[in-house]
Amino acid sequence: MRRIFITITLIINFSLFADDSWQGKAAPGFDLPDQNGIFHTLEEYKGKWLVLYFYPKDDTPGCTIEAKNFTTDYKAIEKLGAIVVGASLDDIESHKQFAEKYSIPYTLLADKDEIMATEYKVVKKIPLMHYAKRQTFIINPQGIIAKFYADVSPSSHSTEVISDLKILQKTYKND
């Protein structure tokens, strides 16, 4: 029983540490196509705040809720000088259909070869299936990760991001 408790404690402590491990580090670069086949790089977002969210699969319940909420809150995020970009391991055509079906106004990056997801360490591998874990990175105008979300609730995440962006931007201006 004691061994189980110690193991659980170590896992919890490690996961708490892991949540902060990205913060303050340079965001890994990328060069991937969006739902329209247009390539995007991290460099094009320099000078702006970037909300980069990874999600498991287009048109699934949780991913649809999250995408719709980011769509609803898109203008509020833009007013904060931030850009929203979603990414998953789905291909361009899947992203195109998903974006059209739900009128998603922001970029969805197609990372079907798992290049970006591997760099950001969000690939979840289970037998016969790989997908991107539902995790988000807020990247500051210099390309540094200001906030990392290891656990995301699709229904409340976009409002959480807005709240955190406001705090991060105040702190950023005071640095």
N, C-alpha and C. Protein backbone atom coordinates (compact mmCIF):
# COMPACT_ATOMS: atom_id res chain seq x y z
N MET A 1 0.82 -1.19 0.00
CA MET A 1 0.00 0.00 0.00
C MET A 1 0.87 1.27 0.00
N ARG A 2 1.93 1.23 0.81
CA ARG A 2 2.84 2.38 0.89
C ARG A 2 3.51 2.65 -0.46
N ARG A 3 3.89 1.57 -1.17
CA ARG A 3 4.54 1.70 -2.47
C ARG A 3 3.59 2.37 -3.47
N ILE A 4 2.33 2.01 -3.45
CA ILE A 4 1.34 2.61 -4.35
C ILE A 4 1.21 4.10 -4.05
N PHE A 5 1.14 4.45 -2.76
CA PHE A 5 1.03 5.85 -2.37
C PHE A 5 2.24 6.65 -2.85
N ILE A 6 3.43 6.12 -2.67
CA ILE A 6 4.65 6.80 -3.10
C ILE A 6 4.65 6.97 -4.62
N THR A 7 4.26 5.93 -5.34
CA THR A 7 4.21 6.01 -6.80
C THR A 7 3.22 7.07 -7.25
N ILE A 8 2.04 7.09 -6.66
CA ILE A 8 1.02 8.09 -7.02
C ILE A 8 1.54 9.49 -6.69
N THR A 9 2.16 9.65 -5.54
CA THR A 9 2.71 10.95 -5.16
C THR A 9 3.76 11.42 -6.15
N LEU A 10 4.64 10.52 -6.57
CA LEU A 10 5.67 10.87 -7.54
C LEU A 10 5.05 11.26 -8.88
N ILE A 11 4.04 10.54 -9.32
CA ILE A 11 3.37 10.85 -10.58
C ILE A 11 2.73 12.22 -10.50
N ILE A 12 2.02 12.49 -9.39
CA ILE A 12 1.38 13.80 -9.23
C ILE A 12 2.43 14.90 -9.21
N ASN A 13 3.48 14.73 -8.43
CA ASN A 13 4.53 15.75 -8.36
C ASN A 13 5.21 15.94 -9.70
N PHE A 14 5.46 14.86 -10.43
CA PHE A 14 6.08 14.97 -11.74
C PHE A 14 5.17 15.73 -12.70
N SER A 15 3.86 15.43 -12.67
CA SER A 15 2.94 16.11 -13.59
C SER A 15 2.83 17.59 -13.24
N LEU A 16 2.90 17.93 -11.96
CA LEU A 16 2.89 19.34 -11.60
C LEU A 16 4.14 20.04 -12.11
N PHE A 17 5.27 19.38 -11.97
CA PHE A 17 6.53 19.94 -12.48
C PHE A 17 6.48 20.06 -14.00
N ALA A 18 5.93 19.05 -14.66
CA ALA A 18 5.88 19.03 -16.13
C ALA A 18 5.06 20.19 -16.67
N ASP A 19 4.02 20.62 -15.94
CA ASP A 19 3.18 21.72 -16.41
C ASP A 19 3.99 23.00 -16.58
N ASP A 20 4.98 23.22 -15.72
CA ASP A 20 5.77 24.43 -15.78
C ASP A 20 7.03 24.28 -16.64
N SER A 21 7.32 23.07 -17.06
CA SER A 21 8.59 22.83 -17.75
C SER A 21 8.73 23.58 -19.07
N TRP A 22 7.64 23.92 -19.71
CA TRP A 22 7.70 24.64 -20.99
C TRP A 22 7.85 26.15 -20.80
N GLN A 23 7.31 26.66 -19.73
CA GLN A 23 7.26 28.10 -19.54
C GLN A 23 8.66 28.70 -19.48
N GLY A 24 8.86 29.76 -20.28
CA GLY A 24 10.14 30.43 -20.34
C GLY A 24 11.08 29.89 -21.40
N LYS A 25 10.68 28.83 -22.07
CA LYS A 25 11.52 28.25 -23.13
C LYS A 25 11.08 28.76 -24.50
N ALA A 26 12.01 28.74 -25.42
CA ALA A 26 11.69 29.13 -26.80
C ALA A 26 10.74 28.11 -27.40
N ALA A 27 9.72 28.59 -28.07
CA ALA A 27 8.76 27.71 -28.73
C ALA A 27 9.44 27.04 -29.92
N PRO A 28 9.24 25.73 -30.08
CA PRO A 28 9.79 25.06 -31.26
C PRO A 28 9.19 25.63 -32.55
N GLY A 29 10.02 25.76 -33.56
CA GLY A 29 9.54 26.25 -34.84
C GLY A 29 8.69 25.22 -35.56
N PHE A 30 8.00 25.68 -36.58
CA PHE A 30 7.19 24.77 -37.40
C PHE A 30 7.03 25.36 -38.79
N ASP A 31 6.66 24.52 -39.72
CA ASP A 31 6.40 24.91 -41.11
C ASP A 31 5.39 23.91 -41.65
N LEU A 32 4.11 24.23 -41.47
CA LEU A 32 3.04 23.29 -41.79
C LEU A 32 1.92 23.95 -42.58
N PRO A 33 1.18 23.15 -43.36
CA PRO A 33 0.05 23.70 -44.10
C PRO A 33 -1.21 23.82 -43.23
N ASP A 34 -2.03 24.79 -43.61
CA ASP A 34 -3.32 24.94 -42.93
C ASP A 34 -4.43 24.26 -43.73
N GLN A 35 -5.65 24.52 -43.36
CA GLN A 35 -6.81 23.90 -44.01
C GLN A 35 -6.97 24.30 -45.47
N ASN A 36 -6.24 25.32 -45.90
CA ASN A 36 -6.30 25.75 -47.30
C ASN A 36 -5.02 25.40 -48.06
N GLY A 37 -4.12 24.66 -47.41
CA GLY A 37 -2.87 24.28 -48.06
C GLY A 37 -1.80 25.34 -48.00
N ILE A 38 -2.03 26.43 -47.26
CA ILE A 38 -1.06 27.51 -47.12
C ILE A 38 -0.14 27.18 -45.94
N PHE A 39 1.16 27.28 -46.17
CA PHE A 39 2.12 26.96 -45.12
C PHE A 39 2.29 28.13 -44.15
N HIS A 40 2.46 27.78 -42.88
CA HIS A 40 2.68 28.77 -41.82
C HIS A 40 3.89 28.36 -41.01
N THR A 41 4.63 29.39 -40.54
CA THR A 41 5.80 29.16 -39.69
C THR A 41 5.64 29.95 -38.40
N LEU A 42 6.38 29.57 -37.39
CA LEU A 42 6.36 30.31 -36.13
C LEU A 42 6.83 31.75 -36.36
N GLU A 43 7.77 31.93 -37.26
CA GLU A 43 8.33 33.25 -37.53
C GLU A 43 7.27 34.28 -37.92
N GLU A 44 6.23 33.86 -38.63
CA GLU A 44 5.23 34.82 -39.07
C GLU A 44 4.39 35.37 -37.91
N TYR A 45 4.49 34.75 -36.75
CA TYR A 45 3.73 35.20 -35.59
C TYR A 45 4.58 36.02 -34.62
N LYS A 46 5.86 36.20 -34.93
CA LYS A 46 6.72 37.03 -34.07
C LYS A 46 6.12 38.43 -33.99
N GLY A 47 6.19 39.00 -32.79
CA GLY A 47 5.63 40.33 -32.57
C GLY A 47 4.18 40.30 -32.11
N LYS A 48 3.59 39.11 -32.07
CA LYS A 48 2.21 38.95 -31.63
C LYS A 48 2.13 37.81 -30.62
N TRP A 49 1.10 37.82 -29.84
CA TRP A 49 0.82 36.71 -28.94
C TRP A 49 0.18 35.60 -29.75
N LEU A 50 0.59 34.38 -29.52
CA LEU A 50 0.06 33.22 -30.24
C LEU A 50 -0.54 32.23 -29.25
N VAL A 51 -1.78 31.88 -29.48
CA VAL A 51 -2.44 30.81 -28.72
C VAL A 51 -2.42 29.59 -29.63
N LEU A 52 -1.54 28.66 -29.32
CA LEU A 52 -1.37 27.46 -30.13
C LEU A 52 -1.97 26.29 -29.36
N TYR A 53 -3.11 25.80 -29.89
CA TYR A 53 -3.74 24.69 -29.18
C TYR A 53 -3.74 23.43 -30.03
N PHE A 54 -3.36 22.34 -29.38
CA PHE A 54 -3.37 21.02 -30.01
C PHE A 54 -4.64 20.30 -29.58
N TYR A 55 -5.19 19.53 -30.50
CA TYR A 55 -6.40 18.77 -30.19
C TYR A 55 -6.33 17.42 -30.89
N PRO A 56 -7.05 16.42 -30.38
CA PRO A 56 -6.92 15.06 -30.90
C PRO A 56 -7.44 14.81 -32.32
N LYS A 57 -8.66 15.25 -32.64
CA LYS A 57 -9.25 14.84 -33.92
C LYS A 57 -10.36 15.77 -34.34
N ASP A 58 -10.35 16.15 -35.62
CA ASP A 58 -11.42 16.98 -36.19
C ASP A 58 -12.78 16.32 -36.01
N ASP A 59 -13.77 17.16 -35.74
CA ASP A 59 -15.18 16.76 -35.74
C ASP A 59 -15.53 15.67 -34.72
N THR A 60 -14.80 15.62 -33.63
CA THR A 60 -15.16 14.74 -32.52
C THR A 60 -15.77 15.63 -31.43
N PRO A 61 -16.53 15.06 -30.52
CA PRO A 61 -17.29 15.92 -29.58
C PRO A 61 -16.46 16.95 -28.81
N GLY A 62 -15.42 16.53 -28.10
CA GLY A 62 -14.62 17.48 -27.32
C GLY A 62 -13.91 18.50 -28.20
N CYS A 63 -13.38 18.04 -29.30
CA CYS A 63 -12.64 18.94 -30.21
C CYS A 63 -13.57 19.95 -30.86
N THR A 64 -14.79 19.53 -31.15
CA THR A 64 -15.78 20.44 -31.73
C THR A 64 -16.17 21.51 -30.72
N ILE A 65 -16.39 21.11 -29.48
CA ILE A 65 -16.73 22.08 -28.43
C ILE A 65 -15.61 23.10 -28.28
N GLU A 66 -14.38 22.62 -28.21
CA GLU A 66 -13.24 23.51 -28.04
C GLU A 66 -13.11 24.47 -29.23
N ALA A 67 -13.22 23.94 -30.45
CA ALA A 67 -13.10 24.77 -31.66
C ALA A 67 -14.22 25.81 -31.73
N LYS A 68 -15.45 25.41 -31.39
CA LYS A 68 -16.57 26.34 -31.42
C LYS A 68 -16.39 27.45 -30.38
N ASN A 69 -15.87 27.09 -29.21
CA ASN A 69 -15.65 28.11 -28.18
C ASN A 69 -14.54 29.08 -28.59
N PHE A 70 -13.47 28.57 -29.21
CA PHE A 70 -12.44 29.47 -29.70
C PHE A 70 -13.00 30.35 -30.83
N THR A 71 -13.92 29.81 -31.62
CA THR A 71 -14.57 30.60 -32.68
C THR A 71 -15.41 31.71 -32.05
N THR A 72 -16.20 31.37 -31.04
CA THR A 72 -17.03 32.36 -30.35
C THR A 72 -16.17 33.45 -29.73
N ASP A 73 -15.05 33.08 -29.13
CA ASP A 73 -14.19 34.03 -28.42
C ASP A 73 -13.07 34.60 -29.29
N TYR A 74 -13.09 34.28 -30.57
CA TYR A 74 -12.01 34.69 -31.47
C TYR A 74 -11.80 36.21 -31.49
N LYS A 75 -12.87 36.97 -31.60
CA LYS A 75 -12.76 38.44 -31.66
C LYS A 75 -12.19 39.00 -30.36
N ALA A 76 -12.59 38.44 -29.23
CA ALA A 76 -12.07 38.90 -27.93
C ALA A 76 -10.57 38.62 -27.84
N ILE A 77 -10.15 37.49 -28.35
CA ILE A 77 -8.73 37.13 -28.34
C ILE A 77 -7.95 38.04 -29.29
N GLU A 78 -8.53 38.32 -30.44
CA GLU A 78 -7.91 39.25 -31.40
C GLU A 78 -7.74 40.65 -30.81
N LYS A 79 -8.75 41.09 -30.04
CA LYS A 79 -8.67 42.42 -29.41
C LYS A 79 -7.51 42.50 -28.43
N LEU A 80 -7.09 41.35 -27.92
CA LEU A 80 -5.94 41.30 -27.02
C LEU A 80 -4.63 41.21 -27.80
N GLY A 81 -4.71 41.30 -29.12
CA GLY A 81 -3.51 41.26 -29.95
C GLY A 81 -2.95 39.86 -30.12
N ALA A 82 -3.81 38.86 -29.93
CA ALA A 82 -3.36 37.47 -30.03
C ALA A 82 -4.00 36.79 -31.23
N ILE A 83 -3.34 35.75 -31.67
CA ILE A 83 -3.80 34.94 -32.80
C ILE A 83 -4.01 33.52 -32.30
N VAL A 84 -5.10 32.91 -32.75
CA VAL A 84 -5.39 31.52 -32.40
C VAL A 84 -4.99 30.62 -33.55
N VAL A 85 -4.29 29.54 -33.23
CA VAL A 85 -3.94 28.52 -34.22
C VAL A 85 -4.19 27.17 -33.58
N GLY A 86 -4.97 26.33 -34.27
CA GLY A 86 -5.20 24.97 -33.81
C GLY A 86 -4.31 24.02 -34.60
N ALA A 87 -4.00 22.87 -34.01
CA ALA A 87 -3.17 21.88 -34.71
C ALA A 87 -3.56 20.48 -34.26
N SER A 88 -3.59 19.59 -35.24
CA SER A 88 -3.82 18.17 -34.94
C SER A 88 -3.09 17.35 -35.99
N LEU A 89 -3.18 16.05 -35.84
CA LEU A 89 -2.51 15.15 -36.80
C LEU A 89 -3.38 14.87 -38.02
N ASP A 90 -4.55 15.49 -38.11
CA ASP A 90 -5.41 15.32 -39.27
C ASP A 90 -4.81 15.98 -40.50
N ASP A 91 -5.28 15.57 -41.67
CA ASP A 91 -4.75 16.13 -42.92
C ASP A 91 -5.48 17.41 -43.33
N ILE A 92 -5.01 18.01 -44.41
CA ILE A 92 -5.56 19.27 -44.89
C ILE A 92 -7.05 19.15 -45.18
N GLU A 93 -7.45 18.11 -45.88
CA GLU A 93 -8.85 17.94 -46.26
C GLU A 93 -9.76 17.81 -45.05
N SER A 94 -9.33 17.06 -44.06
CA SER A 94 -10.11 16.93 -42.83
C SER A 94 -10.27 18.29 -42.15
N HIS A 95 -9.17 19.06 -42.07
CA HIS A 95 -9.23 20.40 -41.48
C HIS A 95 -10.16 21.31 -42.27
N LYS A 96 -10.08 21.22 -43.58
CA LYS A 96 -10.92 22.06 -44.45
C LYS A 96 -12.40 21.79 -44.18
N GLN A 97 -12.78 20.52 -44.14
CA GLN A 97 -14.17 20.16 -43.87
C GLN A 97 -14.61 20.61 -42.48
N PHE A 98 -13.75 20.42 -41.50
CA PHE A 98 -14.04 20.81 -40.11
C PHE A 98 -14.23 22.32 -40.02
N ALA A 99 -13.31 23.08 -40.62
CA ALA A 99 -13.37 24.54 -40.58
C ALA A 99 -14.62 25.06 -41.29
N GLU A 100 -14.96 24.46 -42.42
CA GLU A 100 -16.15 24.90 -43.15
C GLU A 100 -17.43 24.56 -42.40
N LYS A 101 -17.49 23.37 -41.86
CA LYS A 101 -18.68 22.91 -41.14
C LYS A 101 -19.03 23.81 -39.96
N TYR A 102 -18.00 24.29 -39.24
CA TYR A 102 -18.23 25.08 -38.03
C TYR A 102 -17.81 26.54 -38.17
N SER A 103 -17.55 26.99 -39.40
CA SER A 103 -17.16 28.39 -39.67
C SER A 103 -16.01 28.84 -38.78
N ILE A 104 -14.99 28.01 -38.70
CA ILE A 104 -13.82 28.32 -37.89
C ILE A 104 -13.00 29.40 -38.61
N PRO A 105 -12.80 30.55 -37.97
CA PRO A 105 -12.13 31.68 -38.64
C PRO A 105 -10.61 31.69 -38.52
N TYR A 106 -10.04 30.77 -37.80
CA TYR A 106 -8.60 30.78 -37.56
C TYR A 106 -7.92 29.59 -38.23
N THR A 107 -6.62 29.61 -38.22
CA THR A 107 -5.78 28.61 -38.87
C THR A 107 -5.82 27.28 -38.13
N LEU A 108 -5.95 26.20 -38.90
CA LEU A 108 -5.82 24.84 -38.37
C LEU A 108 -4.65 24.19 -39.11
N LEU A 109 -3.59 23.89 -38.38
CA LEU A 109 -2.40 23.31 -39.00
C LEU A 109 -2.53 21.79 -39.10
N ALA A 110 -2.18 21.27 -40.27
CA ALA A 110 -2.23 19.83 -40.53
C ALA A 110 -0.84 19.24 -40.30
N ASP A 111 -0.72 18.47 -39.23
CA ASP A 111 0.56 17.88 -38.84
C ASP A 111 0.50 16.36 -38.99
N LYS A 112 0.11 15.91 -40.17
CA LYS A 112 -0.11 14.47 -40.36
C LYS A 112 1.14 13.61 -40.21
N ASP A 113 2.32 14.22 -40.35
CA ASP A 113 3.57 13.47 -40.16
C ASP A 113 4.12 13.59 -38.73
N GLU A 114 3.35 14.22 -37.86
CA GLU A 114 3.66 14.33 -36.43
C GLU A 114 4.94 15.11 -36.13
N ILE A 115 5.36 15.96 -37.03
CA ILE A 115 6.61 16.71 -36.85
C ILE A 115 6.47 17.75 -35.74
N MET A 116 5.49 18.61 -35.87
CA MET A 116 5.28 19.66 -34.88
C MET A 116 4.85 19.07 -33.53
N ALA A 117 3.92 18.14 -33.57
CA ALA A 117 3.43 17.52 -32.33
C ALA A 117 4.55 16.83 -31.57
N THR A 118 5.49 16.26 -32.29
CA THR A 118 6.65 15.63 -31.64
C THR A 118 7.53 16.69 -30.99
N GLU A 119 7.78 17.79 -31.69
CA GLU A 119 8.59 18.87 -31.14
C GLU A 119 7.98 19.46 -29.87
N TYR A 120 6.66 19.56 -29.85
CA TYR A 120 5.95 20.10 -28.69
C TYR A 120 5.61 19.02 -27.66
N LYS A 121 6.01 17.79 -27.94
CA LYS A 121 5.82 16.65 -27.04
C LYS A 121 4.36 16.42 -26.66
N VAL A 122 3.49 16.51 -27.67
CA VAL A 122 2.06 16.30 -27.42
C VAL A 122 1.53 15.04 -28.10
N VAL A 123 2.39 14.27 -28.76
CA VAL A 123 1.92 13.06 -29.44
C VAL A 123 1.60 11.99 -28.41
N LYS A 124 0.41 11.45 -28.51
CA LYS A 124 -0.01 10.32 -27.67
C LYS A 124 -0.07 9.10 -28.58
N LYS A 125 0.69 8.08 -28.21
CA LYS A 125 0.75 6.87 -29.02
C LYS A 125 0.13 5.71 -28.26
N ILE A 126 -0.90 5.16 -28.86
CA ILE A 126 -1.49 3.93 -28.35
C ILE A 126 -1.51 2.95 -29.51
N PRO A 127 -1.60 1.67 -29.24
CA PRO A 127 -1.57 0.72 -30.36
C PRO A 127 -2.58 1.08 -31.46
N LEU A 128 -2.08 1.12 -32.67
CA LEU A 128 -2.86 1.40 -33.88
C LEU A 128 -3.38 2.82 -33.99
N MET A 129 -2.95 3.72 -33.08
CA MET A 129 -3.47 5.08 -33.15
C MET A 129 -2.49 6.08 -32.53
N HIS A 130 -2.32 7.19 -33.21
CA HIS A 130 -1.55 8.32 -32.68
C HIS A 130 -2.45 9.54 -32.77
N TYR A 131 -2.37 10.41 -31.79
CA TYR A 131 -3.12 11.65 -31.83
C TYR A 131 -2.40 12.69 -30.99
N ALA A 132 -2.78 13.95 -31.17
CA ALA A 132 -2.20 15.04 -30.38
C ALA A 132 -3.01 15.16 -29.09
N LYS A 133 -2.31 15.25 -27.97
CA LYS A 133 -2.98 15.48 -26.70
C LYS A 133 -3.58 16.88 -26.71
N ARG A 134 -4.66 17.04 -25.97
CA ARG A 134 -5.33 18.34 -25.88
C ARG A 134 -4.52 19.22 -24.92
N GLN A 135 -3.61 20.00 -25.50
CA GLN A 135 -2.75 20.88 -24.72
C GLN A 135 -2.58 22.20 -25.47
N THR A 136 -2.30 23.25 -24.72
CA THR A 136 -2.20 24.58 -25.31
C THR A 136 -0.94 25.29 -24.83
N PHE A 137 -0.40 26.11 -25.73
CA PHE A 137 0.77 26.93 -25.44
C PHE A 137 0.41 28.38 -25.78
N ILE A 138 0.65 29.28 -24.84
CA ILE A 138 0.56 30.71 -25.17
C ILE A 138 2.01 31.17 -25.35
N ILE A 139 2.27 31.69 -26.54
CA ILE A 139 3.63 32.10 -26.92
C ILE A 139 3.66 33.62 -27.02
N ASN A 140 4.64 34.23 -26.35
CA ASN A 140 4.71 35.70 -26.33
C ASN A 140 5.29 36.24 -27.65
N PRO A 141 5.27 37.56 -27.83
CA PRO A 141 5.74 38.15 -29.10
C PRO A 141 7.20 37.84 -29.47
N GLN A 142 8.02 37.43 -28.51
CA GLN A 142 9.41 37.06 -28.81
C GLN A 142 9.57 35.57 -29.08
N GLY A 143 8.48 34.82 -29.10
CA GLY A 143 8.57 33.39 -29.39
C GLY A 143 8.88 32.53 -28.17
N ILE A 144 8.65 33.07 -26.99
CA ILE A 144 8.88 32.35 -25.74
C ILE A 144 7.54 31.85 -25.20
N ILE A 145 7.52 30.62 -24.71
CA ILE A 145 6.29 30.07 -24.15
C ILE A 145 6.03 30.73 -22.80
N ALA A 146 4.92 31.46 -22.74
CA ALA A 146 4.55 32.18 -21.52
C ALA A 146 3.64 31.36 -20.63
N LYS A 147 2.89 30.44 -21.23
CA LYS A 147 1.95 29.62 -20.46
C LYS A 147 1.75 28.30 -21.19
N PHE A 148 1.71 27.23 -20.41
CA PHE A 148 1.46 25.89 -20.95
C PHE A 148 0.32 25.27 -20.17
N TYR A 149 -0.63 24.72 -20.90
CA TYR A 149 -1.77 24.03 -20.31
C TYR A 149 -1.66 22.54 -20.63
N ALA A 150 -1.39 21.74 -19.62
CA ALA A 150 -1.28 20.30 -19.82
C ALA A 150 -2.65 19.64 -19.78
N ASP A 151 -3.57 20.23 -19.03
CA ASP A 151 -4.92 19.70 -18.92
C ASP A 151 -5.89 20.78 -19.36
N VAL A 152 -6.71 20.44 -20.34
CA VAL A 152 -7.62 21.41 -20.93
C VAL A 152 -9.05 20.89 -20.89
N SER A 153 -9.95 21.73 -20.45
CA SER A 153 -11.38 21.42 -20.51
C SER A 153 -11.94 22.11 -21.76
N PRO A 154 -12.41 21.35 -22.74
CA PRO A 154 -12.88 21.96 -23.99
C PRO A 154 -13.96 23.02 -23.78
N SER A 155 -14.80 22.84 -22.78
CA SER A 155 -15.93 23.77 -22.60
C SER A 155 -15.54 25.11 -21.99
N SER A 156 -14.44 25.18 -21.27
CA SER A 156 -14.07 26.45 -20.62
C SER A 156 -12.70 26.99 -21.02
N HIS A 157 -12.02 26.30 -21.89
CA HIS A 157 -10.62 26.65 -22.17
C HIS A 157 -10.45 28.02 -22.82
N SER A 158 -11.28 28.37 -23.76
CA SER A 158 -11.09 29.66 -24.45
C SER A 158 -11.25 30.83 -23.49
N THR A 159 -12.18 30.76 -22.54
CA THR A 159 -12.33 31.84 -21.56
C THR A 159 -11.15 31.86 -20.60
N GLU A 160 -10.62 30.68 -20.27
CA GLU A 160 -9.42 30.59 -19.43
C GLU A 160 -8.24 31.25 -20.14
N VAL A 161 -8.11 31.02 -21.44
CA VAL A 161 -7.03 31.62 -22.22
C VAL A 161 -7.15 33.14 -22.24
N ILE A 162 -8.36 33.65 -22.41
CA ILE A 162 -8.57 35.10 -22.42
C ILE A 162 -8.14 35.71 -21.09
N SER A 163 -8.57 35.10 -20.01
CA SER A 163 -8.21 35.58 -18.68
C SER A 163 -6.70 35.57 -18.47
N ASP A 164 -6.06 34.48 -18.85
CA ASP A 164 -4.61 34.35 -18.68
C ASP A 164 -3.84 35.29 -19.61
N LEU A 165 -4.34 35.50 -20.82
CA LEU A 165 -3.69 36.44 -21.73
C LEU A 165 -3.64 37.85 -21.13
N LYS A 166 -4.73 38.26 -20.51
CA LYS A 166 -4.77 39.59 -19.90
C LYS A 166 -3.71 39.71 -18.81
N ILE A 167 -3.59 38.69 -17.98
CA ILE A 167 -2.60 38.70 -16.90
C ILE A 167 -1.18 38.66 -17.48
N LEU A 168 -0.96 37.76 -18.44
CA LEU A 168 0.37 37.63 -19.04
C LEU A 168 0.81 38.92 -19.72
N GLN A 169 -0.11 39.58 -20.39
CA GLN A 169 0.25 40.80 -21.11
C GLN A 169 0.59 41.93 -20.14
N LYS A 170 -0.09 41.99 -19.00
CA LYS A 170 0.26 42.99 -17.99
C LYS A 170 1.64 42.73 -17.44
N THR A 171 1.93 41.47 -17.14
CA THR A 171 3.24 41.09 -16.63
C THR A 171 4.32 41.35 -17.66
N TYR A 172 4.02 41.03 -18.92
CA TYR A 172 4.96 41.20 -20.03
C TYR A 172 5.34 42.67 -20.20
N LYS A 173 4.36 43.57 -20.08
CA LYS A 173 4.62 45.00 -20.24
C LYS A 173 5.49 45.54 -19.11
N ASN A 174 5.38 44.90 -17.95
CA ASN A 174 6.14 45.37 -16.78
C ASN A 174 7.54 44.80 -16.73
N ASP A 175 7.87 43.84 -17.60
CA ASP A 175 9.22 43.23 -17.60
C ASP A 175 10.26 44.15 -18.18
